[in-house]
């Protein structure tokens, strides 16, 4: 797992505990002292839980999506670089072989010329 995904998960957990537990707790605390009706506290708590759930899912989806996107682009970049390096090495090898063949051709032409002179 990537660190950005873990950090987003921790933020989501803190938000889920902080908002999804403490605010409904305070609502029912207000019900206990008589400042709020029980049905209002229940409805508001359910709405807060739904909102926190949707927000946590969104945070995890965004963090997971960006984490996967960075893996895809990072992997392709590394693969592209390694292919580029191997292609460069292959081209250098081919150039070196062509230079050696040119030298061999030059040497064979010199031998041919010497043999022609000797045969005449």
PDB file of N, CA and C in Angstrom:
ATOM      1  N   UNK A   1       0.845  -1.197   0.000  1.00  0.00           N
ATOM      2  CA  UNK A   1       0.000   0.000   0.000  1.00  0.00           C
ATOM      3  C   UNK A   1       0.875   1.240   0.000  1.00  0.00           C
ATOM      4  N   UNK A   2       0.363   2.241  -0.625  1.00  0.00           N
ATOM      5  CA  UNK A   2       1.122   3.480  -0.702  1.00  0.00           C
ATOM      6  C   UNK A   2       0.801   4.358   0.494  1.00  0.00           C
ATOM      7  N   UNK A   3       1.717   5.233   0.828  1.00  0.00           N
ATOM      8  CA  UNK A   3       1.563   6.067   2.017  1.00  0.00           C
ATOM      9  C   UNK A   3       0.414   7.068   1.876  1.00  0.00           C
ATOM     10  N   UNK A   4       0.146   7.537   0.650  1.00  0.00           N
ATOM     11  CA  UNK A   4      -0.959   8.482   0.494  1.00  0.00           C
ATOM     12  C   UNK A   4      -2.300   7.802   0.735  1.00  0.00           C
ATOM     13  N   UNK A   5      -2.415   6.540   0.366  1.00  0.00           N
ATOM     14  CA  UNK A   5      -3.648   5.794   0.613  1.00  0.00           C
ATOM     15  C   UNK A   5      -3.821   5.537   2.110  1.00  0.00           C
ATOM     16  N   UNK A   6      -2.731   5.222   2.798  1.00  0.00           N
ATOM     17  CA  UNK A   6      -2.793   4.991   4.244  1.00  0.00           C
ATOM     18  C   UNK A   6      -3.150   6.282   4.964  1.00  0.00           C
ATOM     19  N   UNK A   7      -2.573   7.403   4.543  1.00  0.00           N
ATOM     20  CA  UNK A   7      -2.894   8.689   5.167  1.00  0.00           C
ATOM     21  C   UNK A   7      -4.362   9.042   4.963  1.00  0.00           C
ATOM     22  N   UNK A   8      -4.886   8.801   3.770  1.00  0.00           N
ATOM     23  CA  UNK A   8      -6.301   9.084   3.513  1.00  0.00           C
ATOM     24  C   UNK A   8      -7.193   8.174   4.340  1.00  0.00           C
ATOM     25  N   UNK A   9      -6.782   6.932   4.537  1.00  0.00           N
ATOM     26  CA  UNK A   9      -7.563   6.018   5.370  1.00  0.00           C
ATOM     27  C   UNK A   9      -7.589   6.479   6.818  1.00  0.00           C
ATOM     28  N   UNK A  10      -6.470   6.988   7.299  1.00  0.00           N
ATOM     29  CA  UNK A  10      -6.415   7.499   8.675  1.00  0.00           C
ATOM     30  C   UNK A  10      -7.307   8.721   8.815  1.00  0.00           C
ATOM     31  N   UNK A  11      -7.267   9.623   7.828  1.00  0.00           N
ATOM     32  CA  UNK A  11      -8.142  10.803   7.856  1.00  0.00           C
ATOM     33  C   UNK A  11      -9.599  10.379   7.852  1.00  0.00           C
ATOM     34  N   UNK A  12      -9.931   9.390   7.028  1.00  0.00           N
ATOM     35  CA  UNK A  12     -11.313   8.908   6.967  1.00  0.00           C
ATOM     36  C   UNK A  12     -11.734   8.293   8.292  1.00  0.00           C
ATOM     37  N   UNK A  13     -10.840   7.545   8.935  1.00  0.00           N
ATOM     38  CA  UNK A  13     -11.154   6.939  10.223  1.00  0.00           C
ATOM     39  C   UNK A  13     -11.367   7.993  11.297  1.00  0.00           C
ATOM     40  N   UNK A  14     -10.494   8.987  11.335  1.00  0.00           N
ATOM     41  CA  UNK A  14     -10.644  10.060  12.322  1.00  0.00           C
ATOM     42  C   UNK A  14     -11.939  10.821  12.098  1.00  0.00           C
ATOM     43  N   UNK A  15     -12.253  11.083  10.831  1.00  0.00           N
ATOM     44  CA  UNK A  15     -13.494  11.788  10.530  1.00  0.00           C
ATOM     45  C   UNK A  15     -14.703  10.946  10.909  1.00  0.00           C
ATOM     46  N   UNK A  16     -14.626   9.644  10.633  1.00  0.00           N
ATOM     47  CA  UNK A  16     -15.739   8.765  10.948  1.00  0.00           C
ATOM     48  C   UNK A  16     -15.978   8.715  12.457  1.00  0.00           C
ATOM     49  N   UNK A  17     -14.922   8.627  13.220  1.00  0.00           N
ATOM     50  CA  UNK A  17     -15.069   8.587  14.676  1.00  0.00           C
ATOM     51  C   UNK A  17     -15.471   9.951  15.212  1.00  0.00           C
ATOM     52  N   UNK A  18     -14.807  10.990  14.707  1.00  0.00           N
ATOM     53  CA  UNK A  18     -15.069  12.334  15.230  1.00  0.00           C
ATOM     54  C   UNK A  18     -16.466  12.835  14.936  1.00  0.00           C
ATOM     55  N   UNK A  19     -16.881  12.684  13.714  1.00  0.00           N
ATOM     56  CA  UNK A  19     -18.186  13.219  13.327  1.00  0.00           C
ATOM     57  C   UNK A  19     -19.287  12.179  13.525  1.00  0.00           C
ATOM     58  N   UNK A  20     -19.021  10.942  13.146  1.00  0.00           N
ATOM     59  CA  UNK A  20     -20.059   9.918  13.193  1.00  0.00           C
ATOM     60  C   UNK A  20     -20.395   9.412  14.569  1.00  0.00           C
ATOM     61  N   UNK A  21     -19.532   9.639  15.532  1.00  0.00           N
ATOM     62  CA  UNK A  21     -19.793   9.156  16.887  1.00  0.00           C
ATOM     63  C   UNK A  21     -20.015  10.309  17.860  1.00  0.00           C
ATOM     64  N   UNK A  22     -19.145  11.290  17.814  1.00  0.00           N
ATOM     65  CA  UNK A  22     -19.212  12.343  18.832  1.00  0.00           C
ATOM     66  C   UNK A  22     -20.407  13.274  18.657  1.00  0.00           C
ATOM     67  N   UNK A  23     -20.739  13.628  17.428  1.00  0.00           N
ATOM     68  CA  UNK A  23     -21.892  14.535  17.233  1.00  0.00           C
ATOM     69  C   UNK A  23     -23.200  13.857  17.616  1.00  0.00           C
ATOM     70  N   UNK A  24     -23.461  12.599  17.183  1.00  0.00           N
ATOM     71  CA  UNK A  24     -24.679  11.945  17.690  1.00  0.00           C
ATOM     72  C   UNK A  24     -24.666  11.769  19.213  1.00  0.00           C
ATOM     73  N   UNK A  25     -23.497  11.544  19.785  1.00  0.00           N
ATOM     74  CA  UNK A  25     -23.407  11.459  21.246  1.00  0.00           C
ATOM     75  C   UNK A  25     -23.865  12.769  21.890  1.00  0.00           C
ATOM     76  N   UNK A  26     -23.430  13.868  21.303  1.00  0.00           N
ATOM     77  CA  UNK A  26     -23.855  15.176  21.838  1.00  0.00           C
ATOM     78  C   UNK A  26     -25.360  15.391  21.642  1.00  0.00           C
ATOM     79  N   UNK A  27     -25.894  14.923  20.508  1.00  0.00           N
ATOM     80  CA  UNK A  27     -27.351  15.030  20.299  1.00  0.00           C
ATOM     81  C   UNK A  27     -28.103  14.310  21.409  1.00  0.00           C
ATOM     82  N   UNK A  28     -27.676  13.088  21.715  1.00  0.00           N
ATOM     83  CA  UNK A  28     -28.380  12.335  22.759  1.00  0.00           C
ATOM     84  C   UNK A  28     -28.079  12.883  24.143  1.00  0.00           C
ATOM     85  N   UNK A  29     -26.969  13.555  24.293  1.00  0.00           N
ATOM     86  CA  UNK A  29     -26.690  14.264  25.545  1.00  0.00           C
ATOM     87  C   UNK A  29     -27.683  15.418  25.711  1.00  0.00           C
ATOM     88  N   UNK A  30     -27.982  16.108  24.596  1.00  0.00           N
ATOM     89  CA  UNK A  30     -28.992  17.177  24.647  1.00  0.00           C
ATOM     90  C   UNK A  30     -30.379  16.606  24.925  1.00  0.00           C
ATOM     91  N   UNK A  31     -30.659  15.408  24.423  1.00  0.00           N
ATOM     92  CA  UNK A  31     -31.940  14.752  24.716  1.00  0.00           C
ATOM     93  C   UNK A  31     -32.018  14.442  26.204  1.00  0.00           C
ATOM     94  N   UNK A  32     -30.901  14.007  26.800  1.00  0.00           N
ATOM     95  CA  UNK A  32     -30.888  13.634  28.212  1.00  0.00           C
ATOM     96  C   UNK A  32     -31.171  14.828  29.119  1.00  0.00           C
ATOM     97  N   UNK A  33     -30.693  16.021  28.705  1.00  0.00           N
ATOM     98  CA  UNK A  33     -30.955  17.191  29.554  1.00  0.00           C
ATOM     99  C   UNK A  33     -32.255  17.887  29.175  1.00  0.00           C
ATOM    100  N   UNK A  34     -32.923  17.367  28.148  1.00  0.00           N
ATOM    101  CA  UNK A  34     -34.225  17.898  27.774  1.00  0.00           C
ATOM    102  C   UNK A  34     -34.206  19.055  26.800  1.00  0.00           C
ATOM    103  N   UNK A  35     -33.070  19.331  26.140  1.00  0.00           N
ATOM    104  CA  UNK A  35     -32.982  20.446  25.215  1.00  0.00           C
ATOM    105  C   UNK A  35     -33.353  20.061  23.787  1.00  0.00           C
ATOM    106  N   UNK A  36     -33.494  18.738  23.504  1.00  0.00           N
ATOM    107  CA  UNK A  36     -33.809  18.294  22.147  1.00  0.00           C
ATOM    108  C   UNK A  36     -34.753  17.096  22.237  1.00  0.00           C
ATOM    109  N   UNK A  37     -35.619  16.991  21.239  1.00  0.00           N
ATOM    110  CA  UNK A  37     -36.531  15.863  21.177  1.00  0.00           C
ATOM    111  C   UNK A  37     -35.786  14.624  20.680  1.00  0.00           C
ATOM    112  N   UNK A  38     -36.195  13.441  21.133  1.00  0.00           N
ATOM    113  CA  UNK A  38     -35.511  12.203  20.784  1.00  0.00           C
ATOM    114  C   UNK A  38     -35.583  11.905  19.293  1.00  0.00           C
ATOM    115  N   UNK A  39     -36.728  12.187  18.661  1.00  0.00           N
ATOM    116  CA  UNK A  39     -36.887  11.900  17.232  1.00  0.00           C
ATOM    117  C   UNK A  39     -35.997  12.807  16.386  1.00  0.00           C
ATOM    118  N   UNK A  40     -35.846  14.024  16.790  1.00  0.00           N
ATOM    119  CA  UNK A  40     -34.948  14.932  16.071  1.00  0.00           C
ATOM    120  C   UNK A  40     -33.499  14.451  16.179  1.00  0.00           C
ATOM    121  N   UNK A  41     -33.108  13.984  17.362  1.00  0.00           N
ATOM    122  CA  UNK A  41     -31.751  13.465  17.562  1.00  0.00           C
ATOM    123  C   UNK A  41     -31.516  12.217  16.718  1.00  0.00           C
ATOM    124  N   UNK A  42     -32.533  11.332  16.641  1.00  0.00           N
ATOM    125  CA  UNK A  42     -32.395  10.114  15.847  1.00  0.00           C
ATOM    126  C   UNK A  42     -32.269  10.456  14.369  1.00  0.00           C
ATOM    127  N   UNK A  43     -33.127  11.345  13.860  1.00  0.00           N
ATOM    128  CA  UNK A  43     -33.099  11.718  12.447  1.00  0.00           C
ATOM    129  C   UNK A  43     -31.779  12.399  12.084  1.00  0.00           C
ATOM    130  N   UNK A  44     -31.358  13.338  12.926  1.00  0.00           N
ATOM    131  CA  UNK A  44     -30.089  14.021  12.648  1.00  0.00           C
ATOM    132  C   UNK A  44     -28.901  13.062  12.730  1.00  0.00           C
ATOM    133  N   UNK A  45     -28.939  12.130  13.647  1.00  0.00           N
ATOM    134  CA  UNK A  45     -27.848  11.147  13.759  1.00  0.00           C
ATOM    135  C   UNK A  45     -27.776  10.266  12.514  1.00  0.00           C
ATOM    136  N   UNK A  46     -28.952   9.815  12.037  1.00  0.00           N
ATOM    137  CA  UNK A  46     -28.970   8.990  10.819  1.00  0.00           C
ATOM    138  C   UNK A  46     -28.438   9.780   9.633  1.00  0.00           C
ATOM    139  N   UNK A  47     -28.850  11.039   9.508  1.00  0.00           N
ATOM    140  CA  UNK A  47     -28.350  11.867   8.402  1.00  0.00           C
ATOM    141  C   UNK A  47     -26.840  12.070   8.503  1.00  0.00           C
ATOM    142  N   UNK A  48     -26.346  12.270   9.693  1.00  0.00           N
ATOM    143  CA  UNK A  48     -24.899  12.452   9.875  1.00  0.00           C
ATOM    144  C   UNK A  48     -24.165  11.162   9.535  1.00  0.00           C
ATOM    145  N   UNK A  49     -24.697  10.012   9.952  1.00  0.00           N
ATOM    146  CA  UNK A  49     -24.047   8.745   9.624  1.00  0.00           C
ATOM    147  C   UNK A  49     -24.021   8.504   8.118  1.00  0.00           C
ATOM    148  N   UNK A  50     -25.109   8.828   7.437  1.00  0.00           N
ATOM    149  CA  UNK A  50     -25.137   8.679   5.979  1.00  0.00           C
ATOM    150  C   UNK A  50     -24.117   9.604   5.309  1.00  0.00           C
ATOM    151  N   UNK A  51     -24.059  10.844   5.779  1.00  0.00           N
ATOM    152  CA  UNK A  51     -23.091  11.796   5.218  1.00  0.00           C
ATOM    153  C   UNK A  51     -21.660  11.386   5.467  1.00  0.00           C
ATOM    154  N   UNK A  52     -21.382  10.912   6.684  1.00  0.00           N
ATOM    155  CA  UNK A  52     -20.026  10.467   7.006  1.00  0.00           C
ATOM    156  C   UNK A  52     -19.660   9.238   6.184  1.00  0.00           C
ATOM    157  N   UNK A  53     -20.606   8.320   6.035  1.00  0.00           N
ATOM    158  CA  UNK A  53     -20.341   7.122   5.224  1.00  0.00           C
ATOM    159  C   UNK A  53     -20.032   7.472   3.784  1.00  0.00           C
ATOM    160  N   UNK A  54     -20.822   8.362   3.208  1.00  0.00           N
ATOM    161  CA  UNK A  54     -20.590   8.775   1.819  1.00  0.00           C
ATOM    162  C   UNK A  54     -19.251   9.496   1.690  1.00  0.00           C
ATOM    163  N   UNK A  55     -18.929  10.322   2.647  1.00  0.00           N
ATOM    164  CA  UNK A  55     -17.660  11.058   2.600  1.00  0.00           C
ATOM    165  C   UNK A  55     -16.470  10.117   2.753  1.00  0.00           C
ATOM    166  N   UNK A  56     -16.575   9.147   3.660  1.00  0.00           N
ATOM    167  CA  UNK A  56     -15.486   8.180   3.841  1.00  0.00           C
ATOM    168  C   UNK A  56     -15.295   7.360   2.571  1.00  0.00           C
ATOM    169  N   UNK A  57     -16.383   6.920   1.959  1.00  0.00           N
ATOM    170  CA  UNK A  57     -16.274   6.162   0.707  1.00  0.00           C
ATOM    171  C   UNK A  57     -15.625   7.021  -0.379  1.00  0.00           C
ATOM    172  N   UNK A  58     -16.007   8.291  -0.450  1.00  0.00           N
ATOM    173  CA  UNK A  58     -15.414   9.184  -1.451  1.00  0.00           C
ATOM    174  C   UNK A  58     -13.920   9.378  -1.199  1.00  0.00           C
ATOM    175  N   UNK A  59     -13.535   9.559   0.055  1.00  0.00           N
ATOM    176  CA  UNK A  59     -12.111   9.746   0.386  1.00  0.00           C
ATOM    177  C   UNK A  59     -11.313   8.506  -0.002  1.00  0.00           C
ATOM    178  N   UNK A  60     -11.817   7.332   0.357  1.00  0.00           N
ATOM    179  CA  UNK A  60     -11.105   6.094   0.035  1.00  0.00           C
ATOM    180  C   UNK A  60     -11.044   5.890  -1.483  1.00  0.00           C
ATOM    181  N   UNK A  61     -12.142   6.187  -2.177  1.00  0.00           N
ATOM    182  CA  UNK A  61     -12.154   6.020  -3.637  1.00  0.00           C
ATOM    183  C   UNK A  61     -11.169   6.966  -4.306  1.00  0.00           C
ATOM    184  N   UNK A  62     -11.145   8.204  -3.867  1.00  0.00           N
ATOM    185  CA  UNK A  62     -10.221   9.174  -4.463  1.00  0.00           C
ATOM    186  C   UNK A  62      -8.783   8.797  -4.161  1.00  0.00           C
ATOM    187  N   UNK A  63      -8.499   8.435  -2.904  1.00  0.00           N
ATOM    188  CA  UNK A  63      -7.127   8.062  -2.536  1.00  0.00           C
ATOM    189  C   UNK A  63      -6.705   6.791  -3.257  1.00  0.00           C
ATOM    190  N   UNK A  64      -7.596   5.816  -3.339  1.00  0.00           N
ATOM    191  CA  UNK A  64      -7.264   4.577  -4.049  1.00  0.00           C
ATOM    192  C   UNK A  64      -7.086   4.812  -5.533  1.00  0.00           C
ATOM    193  N   UNK A  65      -7.924   5.667  -6.112  1.00  0.00           N
ATOM    194  CA  UNK A  65      -7.817   5.960  -7.541  1.00  0.00           C
ATOM    195  C   UNK A  65      -6.534   6.679  -7.880  1.00  0.00           C
ATOM    196  N   UNK A  66      -6.169   7.666  -7.094  1.00  0.00           N
ATOM    197  CA  UNK A  66      -4.915   8.371  -7.363  1.00  0.00           C
ATOM    198  C   UNK A  66      -3.724   7.483  -7.089  1.00  0.00           C
ATOM    199  N   UNK A  67      -3.855   6.594  -6.111  1.00  0.00           N
ATOM    200  CA  UNK A  67      -2.767   5.669  -5.827  1.00  0.00           C
ATOM    201  C   UNK A  67      -2.548   4.724  -6.998  1.00  0.00           C
ATOM    202  N   UNK A  68      -3.653   4.200  -7.567  1.00  0.00           N
ATOM    203  CA  UNK A  68      -3.522   3.304  -8.715  1.00  0.00           C
ATOM    204  C   UNK A  68      -3.039   4.056  -9.949  1.00  0.00           C
ATOM    205  N   UNK A  69      -3.514   5.283 -10.110  1.00  0.00           N
ATOM    206  CA  UNK A  69      -3.084   6.059 -11.275  1.00  0.00           C
ATOM    207  C   UNK A  69      -1.592   6.341 -11.215  1.00  0.00           C
ATOM    208  N   UNK A  70      -1.092   6.657 -10.036  1.00  0.00           N
ATOM    209  CA  UNK A  70       0.344   6.919  -9.939  1.00  0.00           C
ATOM    210  C   UNK A  70       1.143   5.637 -10.151  1.00  0.00           C
ATOM    211  N   UNK A  71       0.573   4.492  -9.740  1.00  0.00           N
ATOM    212  CA  UNK A  71       1.265   3.234 -10.007  1.00  0.00           C
ATOM    213  C   UNK A  71       1.305   2.941 -11.490  1.00  0.00           C
ATOM    214  N   UNK A  72       0.193   3.194 -12.187  1.00  0.00           N
ATOM    215  CA  UNK A  72       0.154   2.918 -13.624  1.00  0.00           C
ATOM    216  C   UNK A  72       1.145   3.804 -14.362  1.00  0.00           C
ATOM    217  N   UNK A  73       1.114   5.103 -14.075  1.00  0.00           N
ATOM    218  CA  UNK A  73       2.017   5.995 -14.790  1.00  0.00           C
ATOM    219  C   UNK A  73       3.452   5.762 -14.370  1.00  0.00           C
ATOM    220  N   UNK A  74       3.685   5.495 -13.093  1.00  0.00           N
ATOM    221  CA  UNK A  74       5.043   5.242 -12.623  1.00  0.00           C
ATOM    222  C   UNK A  74       5.633   3.992 -13.238  1.00  0.00           C
ATOM    223  N   UNK A  75       4.840   2.930 -13.320  1.00  0.00           N
ATOM    224  CA  UNK A  75       5.317   1.683 -13.885  1.00  0.00           C
ATOM    225  C   UNK A  75       5.610   1.834 -15.369  1.00  0.00           C
ATOM    226  N   UNK A  76       4.714   2.489 -16.085  1.00  0.00           N
ATOM    227  CA  UNK A  76       4.941   2.641 -17.512  1.00  0.00           C
ATOM    228  C   UNK A  76       6.159   3.519 -17.776  1.00  0.00           C
ATOM    229  N   UNK A  77       6.378   4.503 -16.923  1.00  0.00           N
ATOM    230  CA  UNK A  77       7.543   5.378 -17.090  1.00  0.00           C
ATOM    231  C   UNK A  77       8.825   4.582 -16.880  1.00  0.00           C
ATOM    232  N   UNK A  78       8.865   3.755 -15.848  1.00  0.00           N
ATOM    233  CA  UNK A  78      10.057   2.955 -15.583  1.00  0.00           C
ATOM    234  C   UNK A  78      10.268   1.950 -16.704  1.00  0.00           C
ATOM    235  N   UNK A  79       9.184   1.333 -17.158  1.00  0.00           N
ATOM    236  CA  UNK A  79       9.295   0.366 -18.247  1.00  0.00           C
ATOM    237  C   UNK A  79       9.781   1.042 -19.522  1.00  0.00           C
ATOM    238  N   UNK A  80       9.234   2.236 -19.777  1.00  0.00           N
ATOM    239  CA  UNK A  80       9.639   2.989 -20.955  1.00  0.00           C
ATOM    240  C   UNK A  80      11.121   3.340 -20.879  1.00  0.00           C
ATOM    241  N   UNK A  81      11.583   3.755 -19.702  1.00  0.00           N
ATOM    242  CA  UNK A  81      12.986   4.100 -19.536  1.00  0.00           C
ATOM    243  C   UNK A  81      13.879   2.882 -19.740  1.00  0.00           C
ATOM    244  N   UNK A  82      13.476   1.732 -19.200  1.00  0.00           N
ATOM    245  CA  UNK A  82      14.302   0.536 -19.352  1.00  0.00           C
ATOM    246  C   UNK A  82      14.321   0.083 -20.809  1.00  0.00           C
ATOM    247  N   UNK A  83      13.175   0.168 -21.502  1.00  0.00           N
ATOM    248  CA  UNK A  83      13.156  -0.167 -22.924  1.00  0.00           C
ATOM    249  C   UNK A  83      14.007   0.804 -23.722  1.00  0.00           C
ATOM    250  N   UNK A  84      13.957   2.068 -23.355  1.00  0.00           N
ATOM    251  CA  UNK A  84      14.759   3.065 -24.045  1.00  0.00           C
ATOM    252  C   UNK A  84      16.247   2.785 -23.840  1.00  0.00           C
ATOM    253  N   UNK A  85      16.617   2.406 -22.616  1.00  0.00           N
ATOM    254  CA  UNK A  85      18.019   2.102 -22.333  1.00  0.00           C
ATOM    255  C   UNK A  85      18.469   0.880 -23.116  1.00  0.00           C
ATOM    256  N   UNK A  86      17.638  -0.158 -23.127  1.00  0.00           N
ATOM    257  CA  UNK A  86      18.040  -1.371 -23.854  1.00  0.00           C
ATOM    258  C   UNK A  86      18.116  -1.107 -25.352  1.00  0.00           C
ATOM    259  N   UNK A  87      17.223  -0.268 -25.870  1.00  0.00           N
ATOM    260  CA  UNK A  87      17.271   0.064 -27.292  1.00  0.00           C
ATOM    261  C   UNK A  87      18.529   0.868 -27.608  1.00  0.00           C
ATOM    262  N   UNK A  88      18.904   1.777 -26.745  1.00  0.00           N
ATOM    263  CA  UNK A  88      20.123   2.556 -26.943  1.00  0.00           C
ATOM    264  C   UNK A  88      21.346   1.646 -26.914  1.00  0.00           C
ATOM    265  N   UNK A  89      21.372   0.706 -25.990  1.00  0.00           N
ATOM    266  CA  UNK A  89      22.497  -0.235 -25.918  1.00  0.00           C
ATOM    267  C   UNK A  89      22.549  -1.105 -27.162  1.00  0.00           C
ATOM    268  N   UNK A  90      21.402  -1.537 -27.642  1.00  0.00           N
ATOM    269  CA  UNK A  90      21.358  -2.367 -28.857  1.00  0.00           C
ATOM    270  C   UNK A  90      21.868  -1.585 -30.061  1.00  0.00           C
ATOM    271  N   UNK A  91      21.464  -0.344 -30.194  1.00  0.00           N
ATOM    272  CA  UNK A  91      21.927   0.486 -31.317  1.00  0.00           C
ATOM    273  C   UNK A  91      23.432   0.708 -31.254  1.00  0.00           C
ATOM    274  N   UNK A  92      23.964   0.953 -30.047  1.00  0.00           N
ATOM    275  CA  UNK A  92      25.411   1.147 -29.900  1.00  0.00           C
ATOM    276  C   UNK A  92      26.166  -0.122 -30.299  1.00  0.00           C
ATOM    277  N   UNK A  93      25.640  -1.275 -29.918  1.00  0.00           N
ATOM    278  CA  UNK A  93      26.262  -2.543 -30.287  1.00  0.00           C
ATOM    279  C   UNK A  93      26.256  -2.726 -31.803  1.00  0.00           C
ATOM    280  N   UNK A  94      25.128  -2.403 -32.418  1.00  0.00           N
ATOM    281  CA  UNK A  94      25.033  -2.550 -33.870  1.00  0.00           C
ATOM    282  C   UNK A  94      26.002  -1.605 -34.583  1.00  0.00           C
ATOM    283  N   UNK A  95      26.150  -0.379 -34.100  1.00  0.00           N
ATOM    284  CA  UNK A  95      27.100   0.559 -34.711  1.00  0.00           C
ATOM    285  C   UNK A  95      28.529   0.047 -34.582  1.00  0.00           C
ATOM    286  N   UNK A  96      28.856  -0.512 -33.420  1.00  0.00           N
ATOM    287  CA  UNK A  96      30.204  -1.041 -33.222  1.00  0.00           C
ATOM    288  C   UNK A  96      30.471  -2.208 -34.172  1.00  0.00           C
ATOM    289  N   UNK A  97      29.470  -3.065 -34.343  1.00  0.00           N
ATOM    290  CA  UNK A  97      29.641  -4.183 -35.272  1.00  0.00           C
ATOM    291  C   UNK A  97      29.828  -3.698 -36.709  1.00  0.00           C
ATOM    292  N   UNK A  98      29.082  -2.667 -37.119  1.00  0.00           N
ATOM    293  CA  UNK A  98      29.231  -2.122 -38.463  1.00  0.00           C
ATOM    294  C   UNK A  98      30.614  -1.519 -38.665  1.00  0.00           C
ATOM    295  N   UNK A  99      31.142  -0.851 -37.652  1.00  0.00           N
ATOM    296  CA  UNK A  99      32.491  -0.295 -37.763  1.00  0.00           C
ATOM    297  C   UNK A  99      33.519  -1.401 -37.915  1.00  0.00           C
ATOM    298  N   UNK A 100      33.347  -2.496 -37.168  1.00  0.00           N
ATOM    299  CA  UNK A 100      34.269  -3.623 -37.296  1.00  0.00           C
ATOM    300  C   UNK A 100      34.175  -4.247 -38.688  1.00  0.00           C
ATOM    301  N   UNK A 101      32.961  -4.344 -39.204  1.00  0.00           N
ATOM    302  CA  UNK A 101      32.798  -4.894 -40.562  1.00  0.00           C
ATOM    303  C   UNK A 101      33.424  -3.974 -41.605  1.00  0.00           C
ATOM    304  N   UNK A 102      33.303  -2.670 -41.431  1.00  0.00           N
ATOM    305  CA  UNK A 102      33.951  -1.733 -42.356  1.00  0.00           C
ATOM    306  C   UNK A 102      35.464  -1.924 -42.346  1.00  0.00           C
ATOM    307  N   UNK A 103      36.034  -2.113 -41.153  1.00  0.00           N
ATOM    308  CA  UNK A 103      37.479  -2.346 -41.060  1.00  0.00           C
ATOM    309  C   UNK A 103      37.858  -3.659 -41.737  1.00  0.00           C
ATOM    310  N   UNK A 104      37.014  -4.681 -41.568  1.00  0.00           N
ATOM    311  CA  UNK A 104      37.296  -5.970 -42.207  1.00  0.00           C
ATOM    312  C   UNK A 104      37.223  -5.845 -43.724  1.00  0.00           C
ATOM    313  N   UNK A 105      36.265  -5.090 -44.240  1.00  0.00           N
ATOM    314  CA  UNK A 105      36.143  -4.874 -45.683  1.00  0.00           C
ATOM    315  C   UNK A 105      37.380  -4.156 -46.215  1.00  0.00           C
ATOM    316  N   UNK A 106      37.818  -3.156 -45.485  1.00  0.00           N
ATOM    317  CA  UNK A 106      39.010  -2.415 -45.905  1.00  0.00           C
ATOM    318  C   UNK A 106      40.233  -3.342 -45.933  1.00  0.00           C
ATOM    319  N   UNK A 107      40.368  -4.198 -44.931  1.00  0.00           N
ATOM    320  CA  UNK A 107      41.489  -5.130 -44.872  1.00  0.00           C
ATOM    321  C   UNK A 107      41.421  -6.128 -46.020  1.00  0.00           C
ATOM    322  N   UNK A 108      40.225  -6.651 -46.301  1.00  0.00           N
ATOM    323  CA  UNK A 108      40.082  -7.607 -47.411  1.00  0.00           C
ATOM    324  C   UNK A 108      40.379  -6.949 -48.752  1.00  0.00           C
ATOM    325  N   UNK A 109      40.009  -5.685 -48.948  1.00  0.00           N
ATOM    326  CA  UNK A 109      40.330  -4.983 -50.199  1.00  0.00           C
ATOM    327  C   UNK A 109      41.834  -4.802 -50.341  1.00  0.00           C
ATOM    328  N   UNK A 110      42.499  -4.499 -49.224  1.00  0.00           N
ATOM    329  CA  UNK A 110      43.960  -4.371 -49.285  1.00  0.00           C
ATOM    330  C   UNK A 110      44.604  -5.707 -49.677  1.00  0.00           C
ATOM    331  N   UNK A 111      44.105  -6.802 -49.097  1.00  0.00           N
ATOM    332  CA  UNK A 111      44.637  -8.127 -49.434  1.00  0.00           C
ATOM    333  C   UNK A 111      44.380  -8.430 -50.908  1.00  0.00           C
ATOM    334  N   UNK A 112      43.191  -8.104 -51.409  1.00  0.00           N
ATOM    335  CA  UNK A 112      42.857  -8.330 -52.812  1.00  0.00           C
ATOM    336  C   UNK A 112      43.819  -7.557 -53.724  1.00  0.00           C
ATOM    337  N   UNK A 113      44.062  -6.289 -53.370  1.00  0.00           N
ATOM    338  CA  UNK A 113      44.966  -5.475 -54.189  1.00  0.00           C
ATOM    339  C   UNK A 113      46.380  -6.059 -54.196  1.00  0.00           C
ATOM    340  N   UNK A 114      46.837  -6.544 -53.045  1.00  0.00           N
ATOM    341  CA  UNK A 114      48.182  -7.128 -52.971  1.00  0.00           C
ATOM    342  C   UNK A 114      48.247  -8.384 -53.825  1.00  0.00           C
ATOM    343  N   UNK A 115      47.193  -9.205 -53.739  1.00  0.00           N
ATOM    344  CA  UNK A 115      47.183 -10.432 -54.544  1.00  0.00           C
ATOM    345  C   UNK A 115      47.109 -10.149 -56.026  1.00  0.00           C
ATOM    346  N   UNK A 116      46.402  -9.094 -56.426  1.00  0.00           N
ATOM    347  CA  UNK A 116      46.334  -8.712 -57.854  1.00  0.00           C
ATOM    348  C   UNK A 116      47.702  -8.291 -58.351  1.00  0.00           C
ATOM    349  N   UNK A 117      48.399  -7.512 -57.533  1.00  0.00           N
ATOM    350  CA  UNK A 117      49.759  -7.049 -57.931  1.00  0.00           C
ATOM    351  C   UNK A 117      50.721  -8.241 -58.029  1.00  0.00           C
ATOM    352  N   UNK A 118      50.572  -9.178 -57.124  1.00  0.00           N
ATOM    353  CA  UNK A 118      51.471 -10.334 -57.137  1.00  0.00           C
ATOM    354  C   UNK A 118      51.177 -11.241 -58.313  1.00  0.00           C
ATOM    355  N   UNK A 119      49.911 -11.301 -58.746  1.00  0.00           N
ATOM    356  CA  UNK A 119      49.514 -12.174 -59.850  1.00  0.00           C
ATOM    357  C   UNK A 119      49.866 -11.599 -61.205  1.00  0.00           C
ATOM    358  N   UNK A 120      50.115 -10.342 -61.323  1.00  0.00           N
ATOM    359  CA  UNK A 120      50.426  -9.740 -62.617  1.00  0.00           C
ATOM    360  C   UNK A 120      51.841  -9.810 -62.973  1.00  0.00           C
TER     361      UNK A 120
END
